[in-house]
Amino acid sequence: MKRLFRIILPLPALLLALACSDAPKTATKKDPPKPVEPVSGRYAFYQMYGAARSWAQDLQGMQMQSITLNEVKEKDGKYPAWRVTFVSDSKRSAKTFTYSVVTAQGLNKGIYSGSDENYSGPRGQNAAFPMQALKIDSDAAHETAAKKGADYSKKHPDIPITMVLENIKQFPNPVWRVLWGQSIGTSNFSIYVDASTGDYLQTMH
């Protein structure tokens, strides 16, 4: 016959064991969420390009523009949101995409696309450009333009800076147009930087 043995703990040891088993577990400290940061134009462009590949395999860029938001401030050529229009010769269509780091001011976080539009070739001075032509990022172009436009910025410190990527007839490569103002139509001062080489090209008054 097998004998059963019980281990009888002294009362103090028993109370200590019970106390340890009932002690609340220390919560693991979580790192505070990182603040949302603006992104460069080239980064946003390729995020949208990847999504647009399912729409058309032969797509090219037509124009991209930075978007300012109150929730996340732009900084040195990086912005919280960007808008790009791609075109496809095979589909004879254009489609506009947006990329935003937050949901704000009518934009959804992430990548969203609009409806197809008719496309039949160059639009005025603007023509499509291949993806590989975009070698210089918006922050680098902004730095070049900031140096060339330093005097103007000192005189107009409150004018916001907008960035537009486009391919226009007067230059051999697509360009970053760094403009002081909300849009091309309202800007009185802008600087062109080559988006393939990073070279300063021209100042427009």
Protein backbone atom coordinates (compact mmCIF):
# COMPACT_ATOMS: atom_id res chain seq x y z
CA MET A 1 0.00 0.00 0.00
CA LYS A 2 1.33 3.38 -0.98
CA ARG A 3 1.58 6.00 1.67
CA LEU A 4 0.57 9.58 1.00
CA PHE A 5 2.79 12.23 2.46
CA ARG A 6 1.70 15.81 3.02
CA ILE A 7 4.13 18.61 3.44
CA ILE A 8 2.91 20.78 6.25
CA LEU A 9 4.36 24.28 6.19
CA PRO A 10 4.75 26.32 9.32
CA LEU A 11 2.09 28.99 9.59
CA PRO A 12 4.39 31.99 8.79
CA ALA A 13 5.71 30.26 5.67
CA LEU A 14 2.18 29.35 4.58
CA LEU A 15 0.98 32.94 4.93
CA LEU A 16 4.00 34.18 2.97
CA ALA A 17 3.30 31.75 0.14
CA LEU A 18 -0.34 32.82 -0.05
CA ALA A 19 0.63 36.49 -0.05
CA CYS A 20 3.05 35.99 -2.91
CA SER A 21 0.50 34.12 -4.99
CA ASP A 22 -2.08 36.89 -4.56
CA ALA A 23 0.32 39.79 -5.15
CA PRO A 24 -0.72 41.89 -8.16
CA LYS A 25 1.55 41.60 -11.14
CA THR A 26 3.47 44.72 -12.03
CA ALA A 27 2.16 46.17 -15.30
CA THR A 28 4.70 46.39 -18.10
CA LYS A 29 5.41 49.98 -18.95
CA LYS A 30 4.59 50.87 -22.51
CA ASP A 31 6.60 53.40 -24.45
CA PRO A 32 4.61 56.54 -25.26
CA PRO A 33 3.42 56.66 -28.88
CA LYS A 34 5.83 58.36 -31.21
CA PRO A 35 4.64 61.69 -32.61
CA VAL A 36 3.42 61.60 -36.19
CA GLU A 37 6.07 62.98 -38.51
CA PRO A 38 5.79 64.51 -42.00
CA VAL A 39 7.29 62.57 -44.91
CA SER A 40 9.38 63.46 -47.93
CA GLY A 41 7.93 63.71 -51.41
CA ARG A 42 9.91 60.80 -52.81
CA TYR A 43 8.78 58.52 -50.01
CA ALA A 44 5.12 59.45 -50.51
CA PHE A 45 5.48 59.20 -54.29
CA TYR A 46 6.67 55.59 -54.15
CA GLN A 47 4.03 54.65 -51.60
CA MET A 48 1.37 55.82 -54.05
CA TYR A 49 3.22 54.39 -57.03
CA GLY A 50 3.13 50.93 -55.47
CA ALA A 51 -0.63 51.20 -55.00
CA ALA A 52 -1.16 52.62 -58.49
CA ARG A 53 0.58 49.67 -60.16
CA SER A 54 -2.59 47.64 -59.72
CA TRP A 55 -4.41 50.30 -61.73
CA ALA A 56 -1.95 50.45 -64.66
CA GLN A 57 1.40 48.80 -65.34
CA ASP A 58 2.62 51.55 -67.68
CA LEU A 59 1.86 54.46 -65.36
CA GLN A 60 4.01 57.58 -65.26
CA GLY A 61 3.96 60.61 -63.02
CA MET A 62 2.28 63.80 -64.22
CA GLN A 63 2.42 66.08 -61.18
CA MET A 64 2.81 65.88 -57.41
CA GLN A 65 2.11 68.60 -54.83
CA SER A 66 2.59 68.91 -51.09
CA ILE A 67 -0.40 69.38 -48.80
CA THR A 68 -0.27 71.24 -45.48
CA LEU A 69 -2.37 70.17 -42.50
CA ASN A 70 -2.98 71.82 -39.14
CA GLU A 71 -2.52 68.55 -37.26
CA VAL A 72 1.05 67.85 -38.41
CA LYS A 73 3.40 70.64 -39.39
CA GLU A 74 5.59 70.49 -42.46
CA LYS A 75 9.33 70.74 -41.94
CA ASP A 76 12.20 71.37 -44.34
CA GLY A 77 10.61 69.86 -47.43
CA LYS A 78 8.67 67.14 -45.61
CA TYR A 79 4.88 67.38 -45.42
CA PRO A 80 2.04 65.50 -43.71
CA ALA A 81 0.32 64.76 -47.01
CA TRP A 82 0.99 64.67 -50.74
CA ARG A 83 -1.15 64.45 -53.87
CA VAL A 84 0.08 62.88 -57.12
CA THR A 85 -1.51 62.40 -60.53
CA PHE A 86 -0.43 59.35 -62.52
CA VAL A 87 -1.21 58.79 -66.18
CA SER A 88 -1.43 55.68 -68.36
CA ASP A 89 -1.07 55.73 -72.14
CA SER A 90 -2.57 52.25 -72.51
CA LYS A 91 -5.67 53.19 -70.54
CA ARG A 92 -5.70 56.77 -71.85
CA SER A 93 -6.56 57.74 -68.31
CA ALA A 94 -5.25 59.75 -65.39
CA LYS A 95 -5.81 59.01 -61.72
CA THR A 96 -5.04 61.12 -58.66
CA PHE A 97 -3.83 59.57 -55.40
CA THR A 98 -3.28 61.06 -51.96
CA TYR A 99 -1.02 59.92 -49.17
CA SER A 100 -1.47 61.29 -45.64
CA VAL A 101 0.12 60.42 -42.31
CA VAL A 102 -3.11 61.34 -40.45
CA THR A 103 -6.84 61.54 -41.01
CA ALA A 104 -7.55 65.27 -41.16
CA GLN A 105 -9.13 68.03 -43.19
CA GLY A 106 -10.94 65.75 -45.61
CA LEU A 107 -8.00 63.37 -46.09
CA ASN A 108 -7.86 59.79 -44.86
CA LYS A 109 -4.72 58.32 -43.36
CA GLY A 110 -2.81 56.20 -45.85
CA ILE A 111 -3.28 55.94 -49.61
CA TYR A 112 -6.52 56.81 -51.39
CA SER A 113 -7.34 57.24 -55.07
CA GLY A 114 -9.85 59.22 -57.03
CA SER A 115 -11.79 58.36 -60.16
CA ASP A 116 -10.29 57.87 -63.62
CA GLU A 117 -10.05 60.95 -65.81
CA ASN A 118 -9.47 61.26 -69.54
CA TYR A 119 -5.85 61.58 -70.62
CA SER A 120 -4.61 62.15 -74.16
CA GLY A 121 -1.03 63.35 -73.72
CA PRO A 122 0.82 66.42 -72.40
CA ARG A 123 -1.29 69.04 -70.64
CA GLY A 124 -0.13 72.48 -71.67
CA GLN A 125 3.45 72.88 -70.51
CA ASN A 126 3.32 69.67 -68.47
CA ALA A 127 4.27 66.20 -69.67
CA ALA A 128 4.52 62.82 -67.96
CA PHE A 129 7.84 61.58 -66.58
CA PRO A 130 9.19 58.08 -65.78
CA MET A 131 9.59 56.94 -62.20
CA GLN A 132 13.37 56.60 -62.40
CA ALA A 133 13.74 60.30 -63.20
CA LEU A 134 12.86 61.20 -59.60
CA LYS A 135 16.23 60.88 -57.91
CA ILE A 136 16.31 63.99 -55.71
CA ASP A 137 13.99 64.07 -52.71
CA SER A 138 11.91 67.03 -51.63
CA ASP A 139 13.97 67.78 -48.53
CA ALA A 140 17.16 68.08 -50.60
CA ALA A 141 15.40 70.31 -53.13
CA HIS A 142 14.00 72.41 -50.31
CA GLU A 143 17.47 72.88 -48.86
CA THR A 144 18.82 74.09 -52.21
CA ALA A 145 15.89 76.46 -52.71
CA ALA A 146 16.10 77.77 -49.13
CA LYS A 147 19.67 78.88 -49.71
CA LYS A 148 18.82 80.62 -52.98
CA GLY A 149 15.68 82.19 -51.52
CA ALA A 150 17.10 83.16 -48.12
CA ASP A 151 16.72 86.91 -48.67
CA TYR A 152 13.12 86.55 -49.81
CA SER A 153 12.29 84.34 -46.81
CA LYS A 154 13.69 86.93 -44.41
CA LYS A 155 11.45 89.57 -45.92
CA HIS A 156 8.40 87.27 -45.96
CA PRO A 157 8.79 84.90 -42.99
CA ASP A 158 5.07 84.10 -42.74
CA ILE A 159 4.55 82.89 -46.31
CA PRO A 160 4.18 79.09 -46.40
CA ILE A 161 6.28 77.05 -48.81
CA THR A 162 4.61 74.62 -51.21
CA MET A 163 6.42 72.05 -53.34
CA VAL A 164 5.36 70.84 -56.79
CA LEU A 165 7.01 68.09 -58.81
CA GLU A 166 6.39 68.41 -62.55
CA ASN A 167 7.93 67.97 -65.98
CA ILE A 168 7.82 71.13 -68.08
CA LYS A 169 9.16 71.87 -71.54
CA GLN A 170 11.82 74.37 -70.57
CA PHE A 171 13.89 71.82 -68.63
CA PRO A 172 15.28 68.43 -69.72
CA ASN A 173 14.37 66.61 -66.49
CA PRO A 174 11.40 66.81 -64.13
CA VAL A 175 11.80 69.58 -61.57
CA TRP A 176 10.90 70.48 -58.05
CA ARG A 177 9.21 73.86 -58.02
CA VAL A 178 9.65 75.28 -54.53
CA LEU A 179 7.21 78.15 -54.27
CA TRP A 180 6.45 80.68 -51.57
CA GLY A 181 2.65 80.58 -51.32
CA GLN A 182 -0.25 78.13 -51.28
CA SER A 183 -0.37 77.49 -55.03
CA ILE A 184 1.35 78.26 -58.33
CA GLY A 185 -1.34 80.79 -59.21
CA THR A 186 -0.91 82.80 -56.02
CA SER A 187 2.87 82.64 -55.69
CA ASN A 188 5.09 85.60 -56.55
CA PHE A 189 8.37 83.80 -55.93
CA SER A 190 9.54 80.27 -56.73
CA ILE A 191 12.71 78.34 -57.40
CA TYR A 192 13.25 75.39 -59.75
CA VAL A 193 15.52 72.52 -58.72
CA ASP A 194 16.33 69.61 -61.05
CA ALA A 195 14.65 66.47 -59.65
CA SER A 196 17.20 64.19 -61.33
CA THR A 197 20.46 65.97 -60.51
CA GLY A 198 19.62 68.33 -57.62
CA ASP A 199 21.01 71.34 -59.50
CA TYR A 200 19.57 74.81 -59.02
CA LEU A 201 17.93 75.86 -62.28
CA GLN A 202 16.03 79.13 -62.09
CA THR A 203 14.33 81.68 -59.84
CA MET A 204 10.91 82.99 -60.85
CA HIS A 205 9.66 86.37 -59.58
